[in-house]
Amino acid sequence: MDIQLPTEACQFIEGMVASGQYASVSDAVADGVRLLMSRQQLHSEIQQGIGELNAGMGIEGSQVFGELRLQAQRLKQQEA
């Protein structure tokens, strides 16, 4: 695949490689694509959640936080 990136993007990626954060330009670009894929997945999950809320399938916040508090207490007890 042959792609053209803006000069600023190329300089940024080359800087990441030069600093040792990535072994190659390809590795840096691949990581960027993985981030885009993760962002798209998150967006899809948010849209699904909004649809569920609109359909009346939500849970009251007080119930959610109550359950989280119980889980936190259980975890603390297990650590003790």
Protein backbone atom coordinates (compact mmCIF):
# COMPACT_ATOMS: atom_id res chain seq x y z
CA MET A 1 0.00 0.00 0.00
CA ASP A 2 1.38 3.37 -0.98
CA ILE A 3 0.04 6.31 1.00
CA GLN A 4 0.77 10.02 1.05
CA LEU A 5 0.74 11.82 4.40
CA PRO A 6 0.94 15.54 5.13
CA THR A 7 4.45 16.78 5.87
CA GLU A 8 3.57 17.39 9.52
CA ALA A 9 2.39 13.79 9.94
CA CYS A 10 5.52 12.42 8.27
CA GLN A 11 7.76 14.50 10.53
CA PHE A 12 5.84 13.36 13.59
CA ILE A 13 6.13 9.69 12.66
CA GLU A 14 9.80 10.02 11.76
CA GLY A 15 10.39 11.67 15.13
CA MET A 16 8.70 8.77 16.90
CA VAL A 17 10.97 6.33 15.07
CA ALA A 18 14.09 8.45 15.71
CA SER A 19 13.30 8.59 19.44
CA GLY A 20 13.05 4.80 19.56
CA GLN A 21 9.33 4.68 20.34
CA TYR A 22 8.82 2.64 17.17
CA ALA A 23 11.21 0.41 15.27
CA SER A 24 10.00 1.62 11.87
CA VAL A 25 7.62 3.97 10.11
CA SER A 26 5.47 0.94 9.26
CA ASP A 27 5.20 0.00 12.94
CA ALA A 28 4.14 3.54 13.87
CA VAL A 29 1.55 3.72 11.10
CA ALA A 30 0.22 0.25 11.99
CA ASP A 31 -0.19 1.37 15.62
CA GLY A 32 -2.05 4.45 14.41
CA VAL A 33 -4.40 2.27 12.37
CA ARG A 34 -5.00 0.04 15.42
CA LEU A 35 -5.95 3.15 17.40
CA LEU A 36 -8.38 4.20 14.66
CA MET A 37 -9.91 0.73 14.72
CA SER A 38 -10.29 0.91 18.51
CA ARG A 39 -11.88 4.33 18.23
CA GLN A 40 -14.34 3.05 15.64
CA GLN A 41 -15.23 0.07 17.85
CA LEU A 42 -15.78 2.39 20.82
CA HIS A 43 -17.95 4.65 18.70
CA SER A 44 -20.05 1.65 17.64
CA GLU A 45 -20.43 0.50 21.25
CA ILE A 46 -21.47 4.01 22.34
CA GLN A 47 -24.06 4.15 19.57
CA GLN A 48 -25.39 0.76 20.65
CA GLY A 49 -25.63 1.99 24.24
CA ILE A 50 -27.48 5.12 23.15
CA GLY A 51 -29.90 2.96 21.19
CA GLU A 52 -30.48 0.76 24.23
CA LEU A 53 -31.07 3.80 26.44
CA ASN A 54 -33.52 5.22 23.93
CA ALA A 55 -35.34 1.88 23.95
CA GLY A 56 -35.70 2.09 27.74
CA MET A 57 -33.10 -0.57 28.47
CA GLY A 58 -30.97 1.63 30.76
CA ILE A 59 -30.08 1.09 34.40
CA GLU A 60 -30.42 3.82 37.01
CA GLY A 61 -27.11 5.40 37.96
CA SER A 62 -27.68 4.80 41.66
CA GLN A 63 -28.03 1.08 40.98
CA VAL A 64 -24.86 0.98 38.91
CA PHE A 65 -22.84 2.85 41.53
CA GLY A 66 -24.27 0.67 44.30
CA GLU A 67 -23.13 -2.45 42.46
CA LEU A 68 -19.69 -0.94 41.86
CA ARG A 69 -19.35 -0.11 45.57
CA LEU A 70 -20.21 -3.70 46.47
CA GLN A 71 -17.66 -5.05 44.02
CA ALA A 72 -15.02 -2.69 45.41
CA GLN A 73 -15.78 -3.85 48.97
CA ARG A 74 -15.50 -7.50 47.93
CA LEU A 75 -12.16 -6.85 46.25
CA LYS A 76 -10.85 -5.09 49.37
CA GLN A 77 -11.95 -8.03 51.52
CA GLN A 78 -10.21 -10.48 49.20
CA GLU A 79 -6.99 -8.48 49.43
CA ALA A 80 -7.06 -8.42 53.23
